[in-house]
Amino acid sequence: MSVADLKNNLHRLVVNTDNERVLEDVHAYFVELAGHGDWWDKLTIEQQEMIKEGEKQALSGRLKPHHLVRERVGKLLSEQK
């Protein structure tokens, strides 16, 4: 199969899907293979939105001290054993 055939087949697959998750994954894969872009581009839209929400919470002062988070995580992990 020629490069032109591969491109045409990939283009057809992309055009024929409305699955956002598939398109995000394909995009991230191409970015990684091409060796450019940063880690943000490799995240899904959902992951990016979660990070943005965390930033908003931090800027509004809704933070937990590190030692409290460690205690809570320690309890959760010990409960799973």
C-alpha atoms as a PDB file:
ATOM      1  CA  MET A   1       0.000   0.000   0.000  1.00  0.00           C
ATOM      2  CA  SER A   2       1.380   3.405  -0.952  1.00  0.00           C
ATOM      3  CA  VAL A   3       1.673   6.404   1.335  1.00  0.00           C
ATOM      4  CA  ALA A   4      -1.146   8.070  -0.592  1.00  0.00           C
ATOM      5  CA  ASP A   5      -3.376   5.010  -0.065  1.00  0.00           C
ATOM      6  CA  LEU A   6      -2.612   4.988   3.667  1.00  0.00           C
ATOM      7  CA  LYS A   7      -3.437   8.683   3.966  1.00  0.00           C
ATOM      8  CA  ASN A   8      -6.684   8.221   2.057  1.00  0.00           C
ATOM      9  CA  ASN A   9      -7.699   5.267   4.233  1.00  0.00           C
ATOM     10  CA  LEU A  10      -6.896   7.144   7.449  1.00  0.00           C
ATOM     11  CA  HIS A  11      -8.748  10.201   6.222  1.00  0.00           C
ATOM     12  CA  ARG A  12     -11.809   8.087   5.398  1.00  0.00           C
ATOM     13  CA  LEU A  13     -11.766   6.495   8.868  1.00  0.00           C
ATOM     14  CA  VAL A  14     -11.527   9.881  10.575  1.00  0.00           C
ATOM     15  CA  VAL A  15     -14.280  11.431   8.473  1.00  0.00           C
ATOM     16  CA  ASN A  16     -16.614   8.477   9.048  1.00  0.00           C
ATOM     17  CA  THR A  17     -16.493   8.550  12.861  1.00  0.00           C
ATOM     18  CA  ASP A  18     -18.268  10.865  15.262  1.00  0.00           C
ATOM     19  CA  ASN A  19     -16.768   9.148  18.295  1.00  0.00           C
ATOM     20  CA  GLU A  20     -15.003  11.989  20.082  1.00  0.00           C
ATOM     21  CA  ARG A  21     -12.977   9.648  22.274  1.00  0.00           C
ATOM     22  CA  VAL A  22     -11.591   7.785  19.255  1.00  0.00           C
ATOM     23  CA  LEU A  23     -10.690  11.064  17.566  1.00  0.00           C
ATOM     24  CA  GLU A  24      -8.970  12.372  20.718  1.00  0.00           C
ATOM     25  CA  ASP A  25      -6.986   9.147  21.062  1.00  0.00           C
ATOM     26  CA  VAL A  26      -5.953   9.175  17.395  1.00  0.00           C
ATOM     27  CA  HIS A  27      -4.906  12.814  17.705  1.00  0.00           C
ATOM     28  CA  ALA A  28      -2.849  12.136  20.821  1.00  0.00           C
ATOM     29  CA  TYR A  29      -1.220   9.131  19.158  1.00  0.00           C
ATOM     30  CA  PHE A  30      -0.235  11.150  16.097  1.00  0.00           C
ATOM     31  CA  VAL A  31       1.166  13.959  18.252  1.00  0.00           C
ATOM     32  CA  GLU A  32       3.254  11.472  20.217  1.00  0.00           C
ATOM     33  CA  LEU A  33       4.491   9.661  17.125  1.00  0.00           C
ATOM     34  CA  ALA A  34       5.416  12.922  15.470  1.00  0.00           C
ATOM     35  CA  GLY A  35       7.503  13.793  18.526  1.00  0.00           C
ATOM     36  CA  HIS A  36       6.076  17.232  19.096  1.00  0.00           C
ATOM     37  CA  GLY A  37       3.522  18.807  21.315  1.00  0.00           C
ATOM     38  CA  ASP A  38       3.564  18.780  25.063  1.00  0.00           C
ATOM     39  CA  TRP A  39       1.975  16.619  27.740  1.00  0.00           C
ATOM     40  CA  TRP A  40      -1.169  18.775  27.765  1.00  0.00           C
ATOM     41  CA  ASP A  41      -1.914  17.792  24.167  1.00  0.00           C
ATOM     42  CA  LYS A  42      -1.717  14.136  25.142  1.00  0.00           C
ATOM     43  CA  LEU A  43      -4.519  14.461  27.700  1.00  0.00           C
ATOM     44  CA  THR A  44      -8.147  13.834  26.875  1.00  0.00           C
ATOM     45  CA  ILE A  45     -10.570  16.741  26.978  1.00  0.00           C
ATOM     46  CA  GLU A  46     -12.021  15.270  30.180  1.00  0.00           C
ATOM     47  CA  GLN A  47      -8.576  15.170  31.823  1.00  0.00           C
ATOM     48  CA  GLN A  48      -7.855  18.751  30.743  1.00  0.00           C
ATOM     49  CA  GLU A  49     -11.180  19.916  32.200  1.00  0.00           C
ATOM     50  CA  MET A  50     -10.452  18.142  35.503  1.00  0.00           C
ATOM     51  CA  ILE A  51      -7.104  19.942  35.752  1.00  0.00           C
ATOM     52  CA  LYS A  52      -8.715  23.289  34.924  1.00  0.00           C
ATOM     53  CA  GLU A  53     -11.308  22.691  37.660  1.00  0.00           C
ATOM     54  CA  GLY A  54      -8.512  21.920  40.127  1.00  0.00           C
ATOM     55  CA  GLU A  55      -6.779  25.151  39.184  1.00  0.00           C
ATOM     56  CA  LYS A  56     -10.006  27.108  39.783  1.00  0.00           C
ATOM     57  CA  GLN A  57     -10.390  25.471  43.178  1.00  0.00           C
ATOM     58  CA  ALA A  58      -6.812  26.310  44.129  1.00  0.00           C
ATOM     59  CA  LEU A  59      -7.158  29.934  43.014  1.00  0.00           C
ATOM     60  CA  SER A  60     -10.340  30.312  45.060  1.00  0.00           C
ATOM     61  CA  GLY A  61      -8.554  28.989  48.161  1.00  0.00           C
ATOM     62  CA  ARG A  62     -10.274  25.617  48.308  1.00  0.00           C
ATOM     63  CA  LEU A  63      -7.141  23.670  49.198  1.00  0.00           C
ATOM     64  CA  LYS A  64      -6.334  20.896  51.685  1.00  0.00           C
ATOM     65  CA  PRO A  65      -3.018  20.817  53.563  1.00  0.00           C
ATOM     66  CA  HIS A  66      -0.627  18.141  52.329  1.00  0.00           C
ATOM     67  CA  HIS A  67      -0.537  16.293  55.666  1.00  0.00           C
ATOM     68  CA  LEU A  68      -4.350  15.910  55.676  1.00  0.00           C
ATOM     69  CA  VAL A  69      -4.350  14.502  52.173  1.00  0.00           C
ATOM     70  CA  ARG A  70      -1.599  12.033  53.104  1.00  0.00           C
ATOM     71  CA  GLU A  71      -3.579  10.906  56.156  1.00  0.00           C
ATOM     72  CA  ARG A  72      -6.726  10.371  54.100  1.00  0.00           C
ATOM     73  CA  VAL A  73      -4.909   8.478  51.364  1.00  0.00           C
ATOM     74  CA  GLY A  74      -3.125   6.357  53.976  1.00  0.00           C
ATOM     75  CA  LYS A  75      -6.457   5.406  55.528  1.00  0.00           C
ATOM     76  CA  LEU A  76      -7.957   4.567  52.137  1.00  0.00           C
ATOM     77  CA  LEU A  77      -5.000   2.395  51.222  1.00  0.00           C
ATOM     78  CA  SER A  78      -4.985   0.566  54.543  1.00  0.00           C
ATOM     79  CA  GLU A  79      -8.725  -0.162  54.188  1.00  0.00           C
ATOM     80  CA  GLN A  80      -8.121  -1.880  50.831  1.00  0.00           C
ATOM     81  CA  LYS A  81      -5.756  -4.496  52.275  1.00  0.00           C
END
